[in-house]
Amino acid sequence: MLLANYGGTCCLTGIDIPALLTASHIKPWAVATPGERLMSSNGLLLNALHDRAFDRGLITLDDRYRVVVSSRVPHTPANDQWLCAFDGRKIALPGSDESTWPSLDFIHYHNDRVFERRV
C-alpha cells in the first residue's frame, strides 16, 4: 500500500529502487496494536539508510512533516551529507487525500518514545 501511496519513491530522498525501499512504521510494530500496524497512516516509505535512522531514533518528523535530526548524530562529513543535510526538509506526502498522510498521533508517539534527544 505504501509503495502505491508514495509512487514507489522514498518520501525523503526520492530514491525509486524498490530493493532499497522499506515500509517503515512510525509507531513501532512491537508496540502498535494489530489495527495500527497495518494503517497506511502509520507508515513512511523510506530508503534503507533513512529507515534505519528513523527506527533508531536518529531522525524524526515534526508537525509540519519536516525532518528533525537528533543532536546525538555527530557532525562528520559523511553524517552531514547523508543525515544532517535533510534536517528541516519536508517529506513528500502521499497525494492529496490527507487520510493517507502520516498520522500526527503516530509522529508524536515517535517523537516522545523513539527519537533520541540530548538529555
C-alpha atoms as a PDB file:
ATOM      1  CA  MET A   1       0.000   0.000   0.000  1.00  0.00           C
ATOM      2  CA  LEU A   2       2.810   2.441   0.859  1.00  0.00           C
ATOM      3  CA  LEU A   3       4.538   1.767  -2.461  1.00  0.00           C
ATOM      4  CA  ALA A   4       1.379   2.892  -4.250  1.00  0.00           C
ATOM      5  CA  ASN A   5       0.710   5.826  -1.894  1.00  0.00           C
ATOM      6  CA  TYR A   6       4.220   7.222  -2.301  1.00  0.00           C
ATOM      7  CA  GLY A   7       4.507   6.436  -6.008  1.00  0.00           C
ATOM      8  CA  GLY A   8       7.311   3.941  -5.414  1.00  0.00           C
ATOM      9  CA  THR A   9       9.754   6.579  -4.166  1.00  0.00           C
ATOM     10  CA  CYS A  10      11.349   7.334  -0.825  1.00  0.00           C
ATOM     11  CA  CYS A  11       9.416  10.186   0.766  1.00  0.00           C
ATOM     12  CA  LEU A  12      12.662  11.809   1.878  1.00  0.00           C
ATOM     13  CA  THR A  13      15.170  11.332  -0.933  1.00  0.00           C
ATOM     14  CA  GLY A  14      13.114  10.342  -3.976  1.00  0.00           C
ATOM     15  CA  ILE A  15      15.099   7.116  -4.410  1.00  0.00           C
ATOM     16  CA  ASP A  16      12.955   4.810  -6.548  1.00  0.00           C
ATOM     17  CA  ILE A  17      14.836   1.500  -6.464  1.00  0.00           C
ATOM     18  CA  PRO A  18      12.338  -0.995  -4.986  1.00  0.00           C
ATOM     19  CA  ALA A  19      15.081  -3.177  -3.488  1.00  0.00           C
ATOM     20  CA  LEU A  20      16.227  -0.207  -1.382  1.00  0.00           C
ATOM     21  CA  LEU A  21      12.798   0.889  -0.139  1.00  0.00           C
ATOM     22  CA  THR A  22      11.237  -0.117   3.156  1.00  0.00           C
ATOM     23  CA  ALA A  23       7.774   0.359   4.587  1.00  0.00           C
ATOM     24  CA  SER A  24       8.770   1.994   7.849  1.00  0.00           C
ATOM     25  CA  HIS A  25       6.428   2.039  10.836  1.00  0.00           C
ATOM     26  CA  ILE A  26       6.138   5.352  12.649  1.00  0.00           C
ATOM     27  CA  LYS A  27       4.794   3.766  15.833  1.00  0.00           C
ATOM     28  CA  PRO A  28       6.948   0.642  16.041  1.00  0.00           C
ATOM     29  CA  TRP A  29       5.381  -2.720  15.176  1.00  0.00           C
ATOM     30  CA  ALA A  30       6.243  -4.161  18.597  1.00  0.00           C
ATOM     31  CA  VAL A  31       4.134  -1.600  20.483  1.00  0.00           C
ATOM     32  CA  ALA A  32       1.422  -0.881  17.905  1.00  0.00           C
ATOM     33  CA  THR A  33      -1.988  -2.512  18.190  1.00  0.00           C
ATOM     34  CA  PRO A  34      -2.897  -5.015  15.462  1.00  0.00           C
ATOM     35  CA  GLY A  35      -5.056  -2.354  13.799  1.00  0.00           C
ATOM     36  CA  GLU A  36      -2.323   0.310  13.954  1.00  0.00           C
ATOM     37  CA  ARG A  37       0.278  -1.981  12.417  1.00  0.00           C
ATOM     38  CA  LEU A  38      -1.382  -2.047   9.005  1.00  0.00           C
ATOM     39  CA  MET A  39      -2.666   1.518   8.844  1.00  0.00           C
ATOM     40  CA  SER A  40      -1.084   3.430   5.972  1.00  0.00           C
ATOM     41  CA  SER A  41      -1.060   6.491   8.253  1.00  0.00           C
ATOM     42  CA  ASN A  42       1.427   4.597  10.469  1.00  0.00           C
ATOM     43  CA  GLY A  43       3.898   4.217   7.646  1.00  0.00           C
ATOM     44  CA  LEU A  44       6.518   6.018   5.635  1.00  0.00           C
ATOM     45  CA  LEU A  45       8.239   4.751   2.519  1.00  0.00           C
ATOM     46  CA  LEU A  46      11.937   5.271   3.191  1.00  0.00           C
ATOM     47  CA  ASN A  47      15.188   4.034   1.721  1.00  0.00           C
ATOM     48  CA  ALA A  48      17.086   1.522   3.838  1.00  0.00           C
ATOM     49  CA  LEU A  49      19.503   4.036   5.397  1.00  0.00           C
ATOM     50  CA  HIS A  50      16.866   6.525   6.470  1.00  0.00           C
ATOM     51  CA  ASP A  51      14.519   3.736   7.592  1.00  0.00           C
ATOM     52  CA  ARG A  52      17.217   2.518   9.967  1.00  0.00           C
ATOM     53  CA  ALA A  53      17.925   6.058  11.187  1.00  0.00           C
ATOM     54  CA  PHE A  54      14.188   6.583  11.801  1.00  0.00           C
ATOM     55  CA  ASP A  55      13.809   3.239  13.601  1.00  0.00           C
ATOM     56  CA  ARG A  56      16.814   4.020  15.818  1.00  0.00           C
ATOM     57  CA  GLY A  57      15.512   7.494  16.681  1.00  0.00           C
ATOM     58  CA  LEU A  58      18.257   9.403  14.896  1.00  0.00           C
ATOM     59  CA  ILE A  59      15.691  11.247  12.786  1.00  0.00           C
ATOM     60  CA  THR A  60      12.016  12.039  13.256  1.00  0.00           C
ATOM     61  CA  LEU A  61       9.353  14.344  11.830  1.00  0.00           C
ATOM     62  CA  ASP A  62       7.772  17.469  13.240  1.00  0.00           C
ATOM     63  CA  ASP A  63       4.117  18.501  12.963  1.00  0.00           C
ATOM     64  CA  ARG A  64       4.765  20.053   9.549  1.00  0.00           C
ATOM     65  CA  TYR A  65       6.294  16.819   8.202  1.00  0.00           C
ATOM     66  CA  ARG A  66       9.813  18.187   8.265  1.00  0.00           C
ATOM     67  CA  VAL A  67      12.794  16.055   9.231  1.00  0.00           C
ATOM     68  CA  VAL A  68      14.426  16.634  12.604  1.00  0.00           C
ATOM     69  CA  VAL A  69      17.898  15.164  13.106  1.00  0.00           C
ATOM     70  CA  SER A  70      18.910  14.139  16.601  1.00  0.00           C
ATOM     71  CA  SER A  71      21.654  16.162  18.239  1.00  0.00           C
ATOM     72  CA  ARG A  72      23.205  12.776  19.057  1.00  0.00           C
ATOM     73  CA  VAL A  73      24.271  12.438  15.418  1.00  0.00           C
ATOM     74  CA  PRO A  74      27.905  13.574  15.413  1.00  0.00           C
ATOM     75  CA  HIS A  75      28.940  16.008  12.714  1.00  0.00           C
ATOM     76  CA  THR A  76      31.277  14.332  10.276  1.00  0.00           C
ATOM     77  CA  PRO A  77      31.444  14.852   6.511  1.00  0.00           C
ATOM     78  CA  ALA A  78      29.507  11.625   5.843  1.00  0.00           C
ATOM     79  CA  ASN A  79      26.889  12.196   8.567  1.00  0.00           C
ATOM     80  CA  ASP A  80      26.405  15.782   7.408  1.00  0.00           C
ATOM     81  CA  GLN A  81      25.865  14.613   3.821  1.00  0.00           C
ATOM     82  CA  TRP A  82      23.556  11.648   4.476  1.00  0.00           C
ATOM     83  CA  LEU A  83      21.654  12.717   7.615  1.00  0.00           C
ATOM     84  CA  CYS A  84      22.146  16.316   8.715  1.00  0.00           C
ATOM     85  CA  ALA A  85      21.578  17.676   5.203  1.00  0.00           C
ATOM     86  CA  PHE A  86      17.946  16.540   5.498  1.00  0.00           C
ATOM     87  CA  ASP A  87      17.291  18.484   8.718  1.00  0.00           C
ATOM     88  CA  GLY A  88      14.299  20.745   8.107  1.00  0.00           C
ATOM     89  CA  ARG A  89      13.406  19.153   4.759  1.00  0.00           C
ATOM     90  CA  LYS A  90       9.734  18.365   4.277  1.00  0.00           C
ATOM     91  CA  ILE A  91       8.957  14.820   3.189  1.00  0.00           C
ATOM     92  CA  ALA A  92       6.872  14.152   0.101  1.00  0.00           C
ATOM     93  CA  LEU A  93       3.336  13.415   1.243  1.00  0.00           C
ATOM     94  CA  PRO A  94       1.251  10.713  -0.458  1.00  0.00           C
ATOM     95  CA  GLY A  95      -1.239  12.509  -2.681  1.00  0.00           C
ATOM     96  CA  SER A  96      -3.943  14.999  -1.852  1.00  0.00           C
ATOM     97  CA  ASP A  97      -6.016  12.669   0.364  1.00  0.00           C
ATOM     98  CA  GLU A  98      -4.936  13.617   3.887  1.00  0.00           C
ATOM     99  CA  SER A  99      -6.255  10.302   5.234  1.00  0.00           C
ATOM    100  CA  THR A 100      -3.189   8.627   3.678  1.00  0.00           C
ATOM    101  CA  TRP A 101      -0.747  11.102   5.241  1.00  0.00           C
ATOM    102  CA  PRO A 102       1.328  10.077   8.239  1.00  0.00           C
ATOM    103  CA  SER A 103      -0.730  10.462  11.411  1.00  0.00           C
ATOM    104  CA  LEU A 104       0.402  13.224  13.734  1.00  0.00           C
ATOM    105  CA  ASP A 105      -0.589  10.983  16.661  1.00  0.00           C
ATOM    106  CA  PHE A 106       1.915   8.367  15.473  1.00  0.00           C
ATOM    107  CA  ILE A 107       4.532  11.050  14.820  1.00  0.00           C
ATOM    108  CA  HIS A 108       4.042  12.384  18.360  1.00  0.00           C
ATOM    109  CA  TYR A 109       4.496   8.842  19.696  1.00  0.00           C
ATOM    110  CA  HIS A 110       7.746   8.522  17.699  1.00  0.00           C
ATOM    111  CA  ASN A 111       8.976  11.897  18.980  1.00  0.00           C
ATOM    112  CA  ASP A 112       8.186  11.058  22.605  1.00  0.00           C
ATOM    113  CA  ARG A 113       9.241   7.409  22.749  1.00  0.00           C
ATOM    114  CA  VAL A 114      11.717   6.678  19.950  1.00  0.00           C
ATOM    115  CA  PHE A 115      13.530   9.881  18.976  1.00  0.00           C
ATOM    116  CA  GLU A 116      16.921  10.312  20.640  1.00  0.00           C
ATOM    117  CA  ARG A 117      17.112  13.709  22.282  1.00  0.00           C
ATOM    118  CA  ARG A 118      20.017  15.006  24.321  1.00  0.00           C
ATOM    119  CA  VAL A 119      19.171  14.862  27.996  1.00  0.00           C
END
